[in-house]
Amino acid sequence: MNDMKSLQEQRELCRLRDKEFLELYRPTLDALIERGVPVSKARRAAAEFTIANGHPHYHVSHERAYRCVCHLLNANDKRGNGARTYRTSEEIGLAKRRLRRQMWQEITQRVRALMDKGLSVECAIDHVLENCRASRFFLSPATALTKICTQVRVRALR
């Protein structure tokens, strides 16, 4: 039952991320088309611009953020004194993908900065997820285009 709830939460968070991406993407696409850029090139250029220049919310669950941030905090602390971390990234569920890992490292840096000011790990994570914006969308252009093309197909059917 708990797995089902987390899967539904993950889907909802992905849906919110996609919605936020498309809200920023559409005006960029419209501006490029008005300039006379062909639609196929405009889609890719608008997607790449939105990915790099968007400042979305972090669409991750608090539970997963706590697991991943604590893992990264412990791994960094142990590396500093030469100790080995015994839990691997696979065991903790930390993604191998470069963009996802960059997102977790960015969240961890923000959490660490708040912890240095006296907040607990839980409070710092809550603050970052609720109040901070990401430096970019952590999507590849190919993934972004799949989100866009789905929306284009839906509009064409109407």
C-alpha atoms as a PDB file:
ATOM      1  CA  MET A   1       0.000   0.000   0.000  1.00  0.00           C
ATOM      2  CA  ASN A   2       2.797   2.404   0.872  1.00  0.00           C
ATOM      3  CA  ASP A   3       4.495   1.675  -2.465  1.00  0.00           C
ATOM      4  CA  MET A   4       1.259   2.485  -4.281  1.00  0.00           C
ATOM      5  CA  LYS A   5       0.965   5.795  -2.447  1.00  0.00           C
ATOM      6  CA  SER A   6       4.565   6.742  -3.254  1.00  0.00           C
ATOM      7  CA  LEU A   7       4.077   5.780  -6.915  1.00  0.00           C
ATOM      8  CA  GLN A   8       0.987   7.975  -7.125  1.00  0.00           C
ATOM      9  CA  GLU A   9       2.849  10.808  -5.422  1.00  0.00           C
ATOM     10  CA  GLN A  10       5.754  10.428  -7.853  1.00  0.00           C
ATOM     11  CA  ARG A  11       3.400  10.564 -10.840  1.00  0.00           C
ATOM     12  CA  GLU A  12       1.723  13.662  -9.460  1.00  0.00           C
ATOM     13  CA  LEU A  13       5.087  15.375  -8.911  1.00  0.00           C
ATOM     14  CA  CYS A  14       6.135  14.523 -12.490  1.00  0.00           C
ATOM     15  CA  ARG A  15       2.854  15.907 -13.778  1.00  0.00           C
ATOM     16  CA  LEU A  16       3.446  19.160 -11.867  1.00  0.00           C
ATOM     17  CA  ARG A  17       7.004  19.411 -13.223  1.00  0.00           C
ATOM     18  CA  ASP A  18       5.771  18.862 -16.783  1.00  0.00           C
ATOM     19  CA  LYS A  19       3.027  21.456 -16.321  1.00  0.00           C
ATOM     20  CA  GLU A  20       5.534  24.001 -15.011  1.00  0.00           C
ATOM     21  CA  PHE A  21       7.874  23.237 -17.922  1.00  0.00           C
ATOM     22  CA  LEU A  22       5.131  23.667 -20.528  1.00  0.00           C
ATOM     23  CA  GLU A  23       3.962  26.957 -18.985  1.00  0.00           C
ATOM     24  CA  LEU A  24       7.458  28.383 -19.528  1.00  0.00           C
ATOM     25  CA  TYR A  25       8.004  26.644 -22.866  1.00  0.00           C
ATOM     26  CA  ARG A  26       4.925  27.905 -24.723  1.00  0.00           C
ATOM     27  CA  PRO A  27       5.722  31.661 -24.647  1.00  0.00           C
ATOM     28  CA  THR A  28       9.288  30.919 -25.742  1.00  0.00           C
ATOM     29  CA  LEU A  29       8.049  28.802 -28.644  1.00  0.00           C
ATOM     30  CA  ASP A  30       5.553  31.485 -29.681  1.00  0.00           C
ATOM     31  CA  ALA A  31       8.280  34.154 -29.658  1.00  0.00           C
ATOM     32  CA  LEU A  32      10.563  32.029 -31.854  1.00  0.00           C
ATOM     33  CA  ILE A  33       7.793  31.268 -34.344  1.00  0.00           C
ATOM     34  CA  GLU A  34       6.936  34.982 -34.552  1.00  0.00           C
ATOM     35  CA  ARG A  35      10.588  35.638 -35.472  1.00  0.00           C
ATOM     36  CA  GLY A  36      10.204  33.256 -38.399  1.00  0.00           C
ATOM     37  CA  VAL A  37      12.065  30.220 -37.052  1.00  0.00           C
ATOM     38  CA  PRO A  38      10.691  26.975 -38.564  1.00  0.00           C
ATOM     39  CA  VAL A  39       8.445  25.113 -36.120  1.00  0.00           C
ATOM     40  CA  SER A  40      10.629  21.982 -35.875  1.00  0.00           C
ATOM     41  CA  LYS A  41      13.738  24.042 -35.034  1.00  0.00           C
ATOM     42  CA  ALA A  42      11.740  26.379 -32.813  1.00  0.00           C
ATOM     43  CA  ARG A  43      10.486  23.461 -30.677  1.00  0.00           C
ATOM     44  CA  ARG A  44      13.975  22.188 -29.938  1.00  0.00           C
ATOM     45  CA  ALA A  45      15.410  25.679 -29.375  1.00  0.00           C
ATOM     46  CA  ALA A  46      12.520  26.628 -27.064  1.00  0.00           C
ATOM     47  CA  ALA A  47      12.929  23.382 -25.125  1.00  0.00           C
ATOM     48  CA  GLU A  48      16.674  23.899 -24.677  1.00  0.00           C
ATOM     49  CA  PHE A  49      16.172  27.537 -23.659  1.00  0.00           C
ATOM     50  CA  THR A  50      13.458  26.618 -21.141  1.00  0.00           C
ATOM     51  CA  ILE A  51      15.549  23.810 -19.654  1.00  0.00           C
ATOM     52  CA  ALA A  52      18.569  26.063 -19.143  1.00  0.00           C
ATOM     53  CA  ASN A  53      16.761  29.232 -18.077  1.00  0.00           C
ATOM     54  CA  GLY A  54      13.726  27.973 -16.206  1.00  0.00           C
ATOM     55  CA  HIS A  55      13.725  28.164 -12.419  1.00  0.00           C
ATOM     56  CA  PRO A  56      11.219  25.491 -11.406  1.00  0.00           C
ATOM     57  CA  HIS A  57      10.333  24.141  -8.016  1.00  0.00           C
ATOM     58  CA  TYR A  58      11.986  20.924  -6.903  1.00  0.00           C
ATOM     59  CA  HIS A  59       9.332  18.336  -7.656  1.00  0.00           C
ATOM     60  CA  VAL A  60      10.475  15.566  -5.311  1.00  0.00           C
ATOM     61  CA  SER A  61       8.856  14.020  -2.258  1.00  0.00           C
ATOM     62  CA  HIS A  62      10.052  14.929   1.216  1.00  0.00           C
ATOM     63  CA  GLU A  63      10.695  11.269   2.018  1.00  0.00           C
ATOM     64  CA  ARG A  64      12.899  10.723  -1.014  1.00  0.00           C
ATOM     65  CA  ALA A  65      14.672  14.044  -0.482  1.00  0.00           C
ATOM     66  CA  TYR A  66      15.447  13.091   3.096  1.00  0.00           C
ATOM     67  CA  ARG A  67      16.923   9.729   2.018  1.00  0.00           C
ATOM     68  CA  CYS A  68      19.045  11.152  -0.794  1.00  0.00           C
ATOM     69  CA  VAL A  69      20.204  14.301   0.995  1.00  0.00           C
ATOM     70  CA  CYS A  70      21.203  12.382   4.132  1.00  0.00           C
ATOM     71  CA  HIS A  71      23.090   9.897   1.977  1.00  0.00           C
ATOM     72  CA  LEU A  72      24.974  12.680   0.197  1.00  0.00           C
ATOM     73  CA  LEU A  73      25.661  14.555   3.448  1.00  0.00           C
ATOM     74  CA  ASN A  74      27.057  11.401   5.047  1.00  0.00           C
ATOM     75  CA  ALA A  75      29.063  10.498   1.961  1.00  0.00           C
ATOM     76  CA  ASN A  76      30.639  13.969   1.853  1.00  0.00           C
ATOM     77  CA  ASP A  77      31.397  13.933   5.580  1.00  0.00           C
ATOM     78  CA  LYS A  78      33.008  10.498   5.380  1.00  0.00           C
ATOM     79  CA  ARG A  79      35.046  11.435   2.304  1.00  0.00           C
ATOM     80  CA  GLY A  80      36.428  14.410   4.179  1.00  0.00           C
ATOM     81  CA  ASN A  81      37.991  12.234   6.872  1.00  0.00           C
ATOM     82  CA  GLY A  82      39.044   9.366   4.567  1.00  0.00           C
ATOM     83  CA  ALA A  83      36.337   6.918   5.691  1.00  0.00           C
ATOM     84  CA  ARG A  84      34.439   4.729   3.239  1.00  0.00           C
ATOM     85  CA  THR A  85      30.671   4.979   2.856  1.00  0.00           C
ATOM     86  CA  TYR A  86      29.103   1.563   3.189  1.00  0.00           C
ATOM     87  CA  ARG A  87      25.764   2.249   1.557  1.00  0.00           C
ATOM     88  CA  THR A  88      26.060   2.575  -2.184  1.00  0.00           C
ATOM     89  CA  SER A  89      24.050   4.963  -4.318  1.00  0.00           C
ATOM     90  CA  GLU A  90      22.090   2.001  -5.674  1.00  0.00           C
ATOM     91  CA  GLU A  91      21.139   0.879  -2.170  1.00  0.00           C
ATOM     92  CA  ILE A  92      19.863   4.313  -1.246  1.00  0.00           C
ATOM     93  CA  GLY A  93      18.075   4.715  -4.601  1.00  0.00           C
ATOM     94  CA  LEU A  94      20.162   7.662  -5.778  1.00  0.00           C
ATOM     95  CA  ALA A  95      19.962   7.916  -9.536  1.00  0.00           C
ATOM     96  CA  LYS A  96      23.008   7.281 -11.704  1.00  0.00           C
ATOM     97  CA  ARG A  97      21.823   9.722 -14.320  1.00  0.00           C
ATOM     98  CA  ARG A  98      23.943  12.851 -14.453  1.00  0.00           C
ATOM     99  CA  LEU A  99      21.135  15.423 -14.414  1.00  0.00           C
ATOM    100  CA  ARG A 100      19.267  13.772 -11.575  1.00  0.00           C
ATOM    101  CA  ARG A 101      22.478  13.507  -9.556  1.00  0.00           C
ATOM    102  CA  GLN A 102      23.161  17.221 -10.203  1.00  0.00           C
ATOM    103  CA  MET A 103      19.703  18.041  -8.857  1.00  0.00           C
ATOM    104  CA  TRP A 104      20.325  16.069  -5.662  1.00  0.00           C
ATOM    105  CA  GLN A 105      23.707  17.703  -5.211  1.00  0.00           C
ATOM    106  CA  GLU A 106      22.155  21.151  -5.643  1.00  0.00           C
ATOM    107  CA  ILE A 107      19.467  20.360  -3.063  1.00  0.00           C
ATOM    108  CA  THR A 108      22.133  19.000  -0.698  1.00  0.00           C
ATOM    109  CA  GLN A 109      24.227  22.178  -1.030  1.00  0.00           C
ATOM    110  CA  ARG A 110      21.228  24.320  -0.157  1.00  0.00           C
ATOM    111  CA  VAL A 111      20.345  22.072   2.783  1.00  0.00           C
ATOM    112  CA  ARG A 112      23.941  22.182   4.049  1.00  0.00           C
ATOM    113  CA  ALA A 113      23.935  26.004   3.873  1.00  0.00           C
ATOM    114  CA  LEU A 114      20.748  26.123   5.973  1.00  0.00           C
ATOM    115  CA  MET A 115      22.146  23.569   8.414  1.00  0.00           C
ATOM    116  CA  ASP A 116      25.208  25.805   8.862  1.00  0.00           C
ATOM    117  CA  LYS A 117      22.773  28.521   9.979  1.00  0.00           C
ATOM    118  CA  GLY A 118      21.368  26.220  12.668  1.00  0.00           C
ATOM    119  CA  LEU A 119      18.411  24.428  11.051  1.00  0.00           C
ATOM    120  CA  SER A 120      17.901  20.697  11.457  1.00  0.00           C
ATOM    121  CA  VAL A 121      18.137  18.442   8.420  1.00  0.00           C
ATOM    122  CA  GLU A 122      14.361  17.963   8.285  1.00  0.00           C
ATOM    123  CA  CYS A 123      13.604  21.696   8.549  1.00  0.00           C
ATOM    124  CA  ALA A 124      16.260  22.557   5.985  1.00  0.00           C
ATOM    125  CA  ILE A 125      14.882  20.007   3.503  1.00  0.00           C
ATOM    126  CA  ASP A 126      11.333  21.263   4.054  1.00  0.00           C
ATOM    127  CA  HIS A 127      12.459  24.856   3.493  1.00  0.00           C
ATOM    128  CA  VAL A 128      14.374  24.025   0.299  1.00  0.00           C
ATOM    129  CA  LEU A 129      11.539  21.983  -1.230  1.00  0.00           C
ATOM    130  CA  GLU A 130       8.847  24.487  -0.348  1.00  0.00           C
ATOM    131  CA  ASN A 131      10.587  27.837  -0.867  1.00  0.00           C
ATOM    132  CA  CYS A 132      13.608  27.449  -3.148  1.00  0.00           C
ATOM    133  CA  ARG A 133      13.741  27.248  -6.903  1.00  0.00           C
ATOM    134  CA  ALA A 134      16.023  24.990  -8.912  1.00  0.00           C
ATOM    135  CA  SER A 135      18.746  26.527 -11.036  1.00  0.00           C
ATOM    136  CA  ARG A 136      17.273  24.835 -14.118  1.00  0.00           C
ATOM    137  CA  PHE A 137      14.988  22.030 -15.236  1.00  0.00           C
ATOM    138  CA  PHE A 138      16.834  18.784 -14.725  1.00  0.00           C
ATOM    139  CA  LEU A 139      15.571  17.273 -17.985  1.00  0.00           C
ATOM    140  CA  SER A 140      17.438  16.317 -21.117  1.00  0.00           C
ATOM    141  CA  PRO A 141      16.267  17.939 -24.366  1.00  0.00           C
ATOM    142  CA  ALA A 142      15.104  14.523 -25.597  1.00  0.00           C
ATOM    143  CA  THR A 143      12.915  14.001 -22.521  1.00  0.00           C
ATOM    144  CA  ALA A 144      11.573  17.529 -22.794  1.00  0.00           C
ATOM    145  CA  LEU A 145      10.625  16.966 -26.437  1.00  0.00           C
ATOM    146  CA  THR A 146       8.637  13.849 -25.483  1.00  0.00           C
ATOM    147  CA  LYS A 147       6.630  16.013 -23.073  1.00  0.00           C
ATOM    148  CA  ILE A 148       6.089  18.621 -25.777  1.00  0.00           C
ATOM    149  CA  CYS A 149       5.169  16.181 -28.530  1.00  0.00           C
ATOM    150  CA  THR A 150       2.557  14.552 -26.307  1.00  0.00           C
ATOM    151  CA  GLN A 151       0.923  17.948 -25.858  1.00  0.00           C
ATOM    152  CA  VAL A 152       1.148  18.683 -29.596  1.00  0.00           C
ATOM    153  CA  ARG A 153      -0.573  15.372 -30.416  1.00  0.00           C
ATOM    154  CA  VAL A 154      -3.354  16.072 -27.930  1.00  0.00           C
ATOM    155  CA  ARG A 155      -3.954  19.541 -29.421  1.00  0.00           C
ATOM    156  CA  ALA A 156      -3.980  18.129 -32.970  1.00  0.00           C
ATOM    157  CA  LEU A 157      -6.720  15.646 -32.032  1.00  0.00           C
ATOM    158  CA  ARG A 158      -9.045  18.361 -30.716  1.00  0.00           C
END
